Each structure stands twice: as C-alpha cells, then as structure tokens.
C-alpha atoms as a PDB file:
ATOM      1  CA  UNK A   1      80.195  90.078 104.888  1.00  0.00           C
ATOM      2  CA  UNK A   2      83.440  88.876 106.485  1.00  0.00           C
ATOM      3  CA  UNK A   3      86.349  91.302 106.391  1.00  0.00           C
ATOM      4  CA  UNK A   4      90.111  90.786 106.439  1.00  0.00           C
ATOM      5  CA  UNK A   5      92.503  93.639 107.044  1.00  0.00           C
ATOM      6  CA  UNK A   6      95.700  93.188 105.057  1.00  0.00           C
ATOM      7  CA  UNK A   7      98.331  95.115 107.003  1.00  0.00           C
ATOM      8  CA  UNK A   8      99.763  97.039 104.053  1.00  0.00           C
ATOM      9  CA  UNK A   9      99.222 100.020 101.781  1.00  0.00           C
ATOM     10  CA  UNK A  10     100.494  98.063  98.785  1.00  0.00           C
ATOM     11  CA  UNK A  11      97.651  97.877  96.242  1.00  0.00           C
ATOM     12  CA  UNK A  12      99.295  94.943  94.414  1.00  0.00           C
ATOM     13  CA  UNK A  13      99.209  92.819  97.575  1.00  0.00           C
ATOM     14  CA  UNK A  14      95.557  93.753  98.153  1.00  0.00           C
ATOM     15  CA  UNK A  15      94.625  92.807  94.581  1.00  0.00           C
ATOM     16  CA  UNK A  16      96.444  89.468  94.860  1.00  0.00           C
ATOM     17  CA  UNK A  17      94.548  88.449  98.021  1.00  0.00           C
ATOM     18  CA  UNK A  18      91.255  89.802  96.660  1.00  0.00           C
ATOM     19  CA  UNK A  19      91.652  87.672  93.527  1.00  0.00           C
ATOM     20  CA  UNK A  20      92.330  84.536  95.589  1.00  0.00           C
ATOM     21  CA  UNK A  21      89.171  85.186  97.647  1.00  0.00           C
ATOM     22  CA  UNK A  22      87.046  86.265  94.668  1.00  0.00           C
ATOM     23  CA  UNK A  23      84.539  83.419  95.045  1.00  0.00           C
ATOM     24  CA  UNK A  24      83.923  84.115  98.758  1.00  0.00           C
ATOM     25  CA  UNK A  25      81.969  86.760 100.655  1.00  0.00           C
ATOM     26  CA  UNK A  26      85.170  88.280 102.056  1.00  0.00           C
ATOM     27  CA  UNK A  27      86.043  91.957 101.740  1.00  0.00           C
ATOM     28  CA  UNK A  28      89.776  92.743 101.811  1.00  0.00           C
ATOM     29  CA  UNK A  29      90.652  96.036 103.494  1.00  0.00           C
ATOM     30  CA  UNK A  30      94.065  97.677 103.731  1.00  0.00           C
ATOM     31  CA  UNK A  31      95.635 100.521 105.678  1.00  0.00           C
ATOM     32  CA  UNK A  32      94.639 102.756 102.755  1.00  0.00           C
ATOM     33  CA  UNK A  33      90.973 102.285 103.756  1.00  0.00           C
ATOM     34  CA  UNK A  34      91.442 103.149 107.433  1.00  0.00           C
ATOM     35  CA  UNK A  35      92.744 105.964 109.664  1.00  0.00           C
ATOM     36  CA  UNK A  36      96.543 106.116 110.007  1.00  0.00           C
ATOM     37  CA  UNK A  37      98.131 103.468 112.222  1.00  0.00           C
ATOM     38  CA  UNK A  38     101.431 103.996 114.090  1.00  0.00           C
ATOM     39  CA  UNK A  39     104.395 102.474 112.268  1.00  0.00           C
ATOM     40  CA  UNK A  40     105.590  99.164 113.702  1.00  0.00           C
ATOM     41  CA  UNK A  41     109.286  98.861 114.490  1.00  0.00           C
ATOM     42  CA  UNK A  42     110.368  95.474 113.139  1.00  0.00           C
ATOM     43  CA  UNK A  43     112.564  94.233 115.974  1.00  0.00           C
ATOM     44  CA  UNK A  44     112.012  90.516 115.342  1.00  0.00           C
ATOM     45  CA  UNK A  45     114.876  88.199 114.406  1.00  0.00           C
ATOM     46  CA  UNK A  46     112.686  86.008 112.150  1.00  0.00           C
ATOM     47  CA  UNK A  47     110.144  86.719 109.423  1.00  0.00           C
ATOM     48  CA  UNK A  48     107.401  85.191 111.571  1.00  0.00           C
ATOM     49  CA  UNK A  49     108.297  87.395 114.541  1.00  0.00           C
ATOM     50  CA  UNK A  50     108.122  90.567 112.438  1.00  0.00           C
ATOM     51  CA  UNK A  51     104.832  89.526 110.808  1.00  0.00           C
ATOM     52  CA  UNK A  52     103.452  88.809 114.279  1.00  0.00           C
ATOM     53  CA  UNK A  53     104.482  92.280 115.506  1.00  0.00           C
ATOM     54  CA  UNK A  54     102.642  93.867 112.580  1.00  0.00           C
ATOM     55  CA  UNK A  55      99.499  91.782 112.979  1.00  0.00           C
ATOM     56  CA  UNK A  56      99.297  92.323 116.743  1.00  0.00           C
ATOM     57  CA  UNK A  57      99.649  96.092 116.366  1.00  0.00           C
ATOM     58  CA  UNK A  58      96.904  96.226 113.713  1.00  0.00           C
ATOM     59  CA  UNK A  59      94.535  93.972 115.692  1.00  0.00           C
ATOM     60  CA  UNK A  60      95.024  96.120 118.790  1.00  0.00           C
ATOM     61  CA  UNK A  61      94.329  99.285 116.780  1.00  0.00           C
ATOM     62  CA  UNK A  62      91.385  98.195 114.604  1.00  0.00           C
ATOM     63  CA  UNK A  63      89.956  95.021 116.236  1.00  0.00           C
ATOM     64  CA  UNK A  64      89.630  93.359 112.819  1.00  0.00           C
ATOM     65  CA  UNK A  65      90.763  89.944 111.575  1.00  0.00           C
ATOM     66  CA  UNK A  66      94.190  90.845 110.207  1.00  0.00           C
ATOM     67  CA  UNK A  67      96.801  89.300 107.921  1.00  0.00           C
ATOM     68  CA  UNK A  68     100.410  90.563 107.893  1.00  0.00           C
ATOM     69  CA  UNK A  69     103.525  89.382 106.111  1.00  0.00           C
ATOM     70  CA  UNK A  70     107.266  89.675 106.326  1.00  0.00           C
ATOM     71  CA  UNK A  71     109.555  88.671 103.499  1.00  0.00           C
ATOM     72  CA  UNK A  72     113.205  88.679 102.620  1.00  0.00           C
ATOM     73  CA  UNK A  73     116.142  87.200 100.776  1.00  0.00           C
ATOM     74  CA  UNK A  74     118.427  84.555 102.279  1.00  0.00           C
ATOM     75  CA  UNK A  75     121.762  83.987 100.505  1.00  0.00           C
ATOM     76  CA  UNK A  76     123.514  80.715 101.326  1.00  0.00           C
ATOM     77  CA  UNK A  77     127.064  82.064 100.865  1.00  0.00           C
ATOM     78  CA  UNK A  78     126.243  84.935 103.260  1.00  0.00           C
ATOM     79  CA  UNK A  79     124.914  82.521 105.918  1.00  0.00           C
ATOM     80  CA  UNK A  80     121.309  83.608 105.366  1.00  0.00           C
ATOM     81  CA  UNK A  81     121.894  87.349 105.103  1.00  0.00           C
ATOM     82  CA  UNK A  82     120.325  89.813 104.412  1.00  0.00           C
ATOM     83  CA  UNK A  83     117.331  87.918 105.858  1.00  0.00           C
ATOM     84  CA  UNK A  84     115.027  90.059 108.016  1.00  0.00           C
ATOM     85  CA  UNK A  85     117.191  93.080 107.117  1.00  0.00           C
ATOM     86  CA  UNK A  86     116.579  92.679 103.358  1.00  0.00           C
ATOM     87  CA  UNK A  87     114.685  95.965 102.898  1.00  0.00           C
ATOM     88  CA  UNK A  88     117.278  97.975 104.836  1.00  0.00           C
ATOM     89  CA  UNK A  89     120.446  96.064 103.973  1.00  0.00           C
ATOM     90  CA  UNK A  90     122.318  99.138 102.725  1.00  0.00           C
ATOM     91  CA  UNK A  91     119.931 101.815 103.906  1.00  0.00           C
ATOM     92  CA  UNK A  92     116.219 102.241 104.369  1.00  0.00           C
ATOM     93  CA  UNK A  93     114.313 100.678 101.459  1.00  0.00           C
ATOM     94  CA  UNK A  94     116.920 101.726  98.865  1.00  0.00           C
ATOM     95  CA  UNK A  95     116.675  98.995  96.229  1.00  0.00           C
ATOM     96  CA  UNK A  96     119.650 100.156  94.152  1.00  0.00           C
ATOM     97  CA  UNK A  97     121.933 100.413  97.188  1.00  0.00           C
ATOM     98  CA  UNK A  98     120.789  97.031  98.511  1.00  0.00           C
ATOM     99  CA  UNK A  99     121.485  95.358  95.157  1.00  0.00           C
ATOM    100  CA  UNK A 100     124.878  97.045  94.867  1.00  0.00           C
ATOM    101  CA  UNK A 101     125.869  95.867  98.356  1.00  0.00           C
ATOM    102  CA  UNK A 102     124.759  92.313  97.595  1.00  0.00           C
ATOM    103  CA  UNK A 103     126.758  92.222  94.346  1.00  0.00           C
ATOM    104  CA  UNK A 104     129.780  93.624  96.168  1.00  0.00           C
ATOM    105  CA  UNK A 105     129.603  90.938  98.862  1.00  0.00           C
ATOM    106  CA  UNK A 106     129.342  88.208  96.213  1.00  0.00           C
ATOM    107  CA  UNK A 107     132.075  89.589  93.934  1.00  0.00           C
ATOM    108  CA  UNK A 108     134.121  86.718  92.518  1.00  0.00           C
ATOM    109  CA  UNK A 109     131.844  84.033  93.966  1.00  0.00           C
ATOM    110  CA  UNK A 110     131.171  81.220  91.480  1.00  0.00           C
ATOM    111  CA  UNK A 111     127.581  80.681  90.209  1.00  0.00           C
ATOM    112  CA  UNK A 112     127.287  77.326  92.010  1.00  0.00           C
ATOM    113  CA  UNK A 113     127.887  79.113  95.318  1.00  0.00           C
ATOM    114  CA  UNK A 114     125.401  81.922  94.676  1.00  0.00           C
ATOM    115  CA  UNK A 115     122.298  79.965  95.723  1.00  0.00           C
ATOM    116  CA  UNK A 116     119.577  81.876  97.545  1.00  0.00           C
ATOM    117  CA  UNK A 117     115.917  81.770  98.494  1.00  0.00           C
ATOM    118  CA  UNK A 118     113.129  84.274  98.888  1.00  0.00           C
ATOM    119  CA  UNK A 119     110.975  83.609 101.962  1.00  0.00           C
ATOM    120  CA  UNK A 120     107.565  84.993 102.989  1.00  0.00           C
ATOM    121  CA  UNK A 121     105.822  84.271 106.289  1.00  0.00           C
ATOM    122  CA  UNK A 122     102.170  85.263 106.788  1.00  0.00           C
ATOM    123  CA  UNK A 123     100.473  85.561 110.184  1.00  0.00           C
ATOM    124  CA  UNK A 124      96.688  85.907 110.524  1.00  0.00           C
ATOM    125  CA  UNK A 125      94.871  86.638 113.775  1.00  0.00           C
ATOM    126  CA  UNK A 126      91.142  87.004 114.446  1.00  0.00           C
ATOM    127  CA  UNK A 127      90.483  88.881 117.719  1.00  0.00           C
ATOM    128  CA  UNK A 128      86.861  87.700 117.873  1.00  0.00           C
ATOM    129  CA  UNK A 129      87.708  83.990 117.859  1.00  0.00           C
ATOM    130  CA  UNK A 130      91.432  83.963 118.796  1.00  0.00           C
ATOM    131  CA  UNK A 131      92.047  81.883 115.674  1.00  0.00           C
ATOM    132  CA  UNK A 132      95.522  82.107 114.148  1.00  0.00           C
ATOM    133  CA  UNK A 133      96.986  80.940 110.843  1.00  0.00           C
ATOM    134  CA  UNK A 134     100.697  80.940 109.993  1.00  0.00           C
ATOM    135  CA  UNK A 135     101.934  80.024 106.500  1.00  0.00           C
ATOM    136  CA  UNK A 136     105.279  80.178 104.713  1.00  0.00           C
ATOM    137  CA  UNK A 137     106.362  80.297 101.097  1.00  0.00           C
ATOM    138  CA  UNK A 138     109.845  79.757  99.684  1.00  0.00           C
ATOM    139  CA  UNK A 139     111.296  80.279  96.195  1.00  0.00           C
ATOM    140  CA  UNK A 140     114.784  78.954  95.441  1.00  0.00           C
ATOM    141  CA  UNK A 141     117.155  80.422  92.887  1.00  0.00           C
ATOM    142  CA  UNK A 142     120.545  82.082  92.644  1.00  0.00           C
ATOM    143  CA  UNK A 143     122.004  85.564  92.569  1.00  0.00           C
ATOM    144  CA  UNK A 144     122.928  86.791  89.093  1.00  0.00           C
ATOM    145  CA  UNK A 145     126.144  88.750  88.488  1.00  0.00           C
ATOM    146  CA  UNK A 146     124.324  91.698  86.894  1.00  0.00           C
ATOM    147  CA  UNK A 147     120.728  92.991  87.261  1.00  0.00           C
ATOM    148  CA  UNK A 148     118.378  91.902  84.465  1.00  0.00           C
ATOM    149  CA  UNK A 149     114.773  92.923  83.771  1.00  0.00           C
ATOM    150  CA  UNK A 150     112.520  95.882  84.541  1.00  0.00           C
ATOM    151  CA  UNK A 151     109.333  94.249  85.860  1.00  0.00           C
ATOM    152  CA  UNK A 152     110.310  93.712  89.464  1.00  0.00           C
ATOM    153  CA  UNK A 153     111.433  95.601  92.532  1.00  0.00           C
ATOM    154  CA  UNK A 154     113.789  94.950  95.410  1.00  0.00           C
ATOM    155  CA  UNK A 155     116.157  92.097  94.594  1.00  0.00           C
ATOM    156  CA  UNK A 156     114.026  90.796  91.689  1.00  0.00           C
ATOM    157  CA  UNK A 157     116.525  91.897  88.962  1.00  0.00           C
ATOM    158  CA  UNK A 158     119.243  89.782  90.640  1.00  0.00           C
ATOM    159  CA  UNK A 159     117.145  86.735  91.574  1.00  0.00           C
ATOM    160  CA  UNK A 160     117.676  84.204  88.787  1.00  0.00           C
ATOM    161  CA  UNK A 161     115.457  81.125  88.366  1.00  0.00           C
ATOM    162  CA  UNK A 162     117.520  78.494  86.477  1.00  0.00           C
ATOM    163  CA  UNK A 163     114.475  76.451  85.384  1.00  0.00           C
ATOM    164  CA  UNK A 164     112.944  79.547  83.768  1.00  0.00           C
ATOM    165  CA  UNK A 165     116.267  80.962  82.540  1.00  0.00           C
ATOM    166  CA  UNK A 166     115.075  84.372  83.772  1.00  0.00           C
ATOM    167  CA  UNK A 167     115.283  86.673  86.743  1.00  0.00           C
ATOM    168  CA  UNK A 168     112.058  87.523  88.567  1.00  0.00           C
ATOM    169  CA  UNK A 169     112.267  91.014  87.036  1.00  0.00           C
ATOM    170  CA  UNK A 170     112.187  89.505  83.526  1.00  0.00           C
ATOM    171  CA  UNK A 171     108.924  87.662  84.192  1.00  0.00           C
ATOM    172  CA  UNK A 172     105.398  88.938  83.684  1.00  0.00           C
ATOM    173  CA  UNK A 173     103.439  89.695  86.873  1.00  0.00           C
ATOM    174  CA  UNK A 174     101.312  86.579  86.228  1.00  0.00           C
ATOM    175  CA  UNK A 175     104.364  84.319  85.909  1.00  0.00           C
ATOM    176  CA  UNK A 176     105.943  85.822  88.997  1.00  0.00           C
ATOM    177  CA  UNK A 177     102.790  85.432  91.132  1.00  0.00           C
ATOM    178  CA  UNK A 178     102.488  81.794  90.085  1.00  0.00           C
ATOM    179  CA  UNK A 179     106.023  81.023  91.293  1.00  0.00           C
ATOM    180  CA  UNK A 180     106.639  83.545  94.023  1.00  0.00           C
ATOM    181  CA  UNK A 181     107.237  82.862  97.692  1.00  0.00           C
ATOM    182  CA  UNK A 182     104.488  85.343  98.527  1.00  0.00           C
ATOM    183  CA  UNK A 183     101.999  83.705  96.151  1.00  0.00           C
ATOM    184  CA  UNK A 184     102.767  80.307  97.709  1.00  0.00           C
ATOM    185  CA  UNK A 185     102.198  81.600 101.249  1.00  0.00           C
ATOM    186  CA  UNK A 186      98.979  83.399 100.239  1.00  0.00           C
ATOM    187  CA  UNK A 187      97.508  80.310  98.548  1.00  0.00           C
ATOM    188  CA  UNK A 188      98.276  78.236 101.666  1.00  0.00           C
ATOM    189  CA  UNK A 189      96.636  80.913 103.823  1.00  0.00           C
ATOM    190  CA  UNK A 190      93.479  81.020 101.690  1.00  0.00           C
ATOM    191  CA  UNK A 191      93.242  77.223 101.818  1.00  0.00           C
ATOM    192  CA  UNK A 192      93.445  77.210 105.632  1.00  0.00           C
ATOM    193  CA  UNK A 193      91.129  80.224 105.939  1.00  0.00           C
ATOM    194  CA  UNK A 194      88.453  78.404 103.911  1.00  0.00           C
ATOM    195  CA  UNK A 195      88.725  75.360 106.188  1.00  0.00           C
ATOM    196  CA  UNK A 196      88.233  77.511 109.283  1.00  0.00           C
ATOM    197  CA  UNK A 197      85.517  79.888 108.080  1.00  0.00           C
ATOM    198  CA  UNK A 198      83.753  78.478 105.021  1.00  0.00           C
ATOM    199  CA  UNK A 199      81.672  75.850 106.764  1.00  0.00           C
END
C-alpha cells in the first residue's frame, strides 16, 4: 500500500485527504502516528516557501512521501497582510487577538474596500522518486465588521462570502470544504497525484 505523510497533527485535515483518496490504495499518515518531529520555524516569505520548509523537514526525518501546506489571509486594503503571518498576527495562534487586530486595522473602511482572499499552497515531495507536486487554492470574499458564526476557527467568523450571504463560520463543514481554499488545493493535488501514481 502506498503511504502519504500529511505534515500535521490536525485530524480534520487528515480526514479530508483520506476521504479524497478513499477509492485508492493510499494510507494517509500524520505526525500523530509517528515519533515526535522537531518543530519547523516558518521563515519563508511566501506560503509555498513555508510549505516547502515543512515538507523538506518531514522528508528528511521520516523518508516518506510527504504533503505539507501553508495557508493565510490576504487583505487588499492592508496590501496583502497578514499573509504568511496570519496565525501569529497579534500573537502566537491567538484567534481572538488576531481578529481584534484585523478589525482595528479596518475600522471605518467601507465594505467595498474590505476585499480579501484566503490562500492555501500545498507542496508534496516523494524522496524515492524525487517527484514534486505544488498546488494552490484561493477563496475570495470580504472582511465583515463583526464576527458571525460558531463553526469555524481563525478568521472564519470575519470572512464573508457575498454569494452565500454568510461567513465561513456560519457554514456547515461540508459547505465550507466544498468552497474552501484548502479544499480546492487538495482536490488539485489528488488529481495530479493520480496522474503520477495511478497508472
């Protein structure tokens, strides 16, 4: 059986990839299944660079085909910030503080100028074949003036999708996965993975 290491401990991410590969003979592993790996310092200036740092560290440590991601929020009015610093915009992985800082920086900004996009970049490397896959997903929306919804995390309560008339945090997990930047990037990855490996 082929194996893919997903460089995360997030069970939701593992389940999402497992579901997309359900009709293949691929086993998805995560850091939860393996001995501890040293934490990677994300020094990259792009999502791809940070994903590449994570995947290279995991490949070096475990010698398994590995998929890693980096994601973030880019706000047009803030010239693309918080970008690669999304998770630590106002502190280290403090969702409430990050959202409060974002709202503060956009105080008084009109809805038409509050456009934003969520971006995910995935990097896959196979040490046995030196094959690499890079995919990207992007979801456009705008930043709401107040948080709405309880289903999401991070900036989801502030990320409003005009066509759905909802924030990501107001959507069901199924709806969110169908639209999300991460879901887009994962589906592109699975498509390319099948072309390379499912002869």
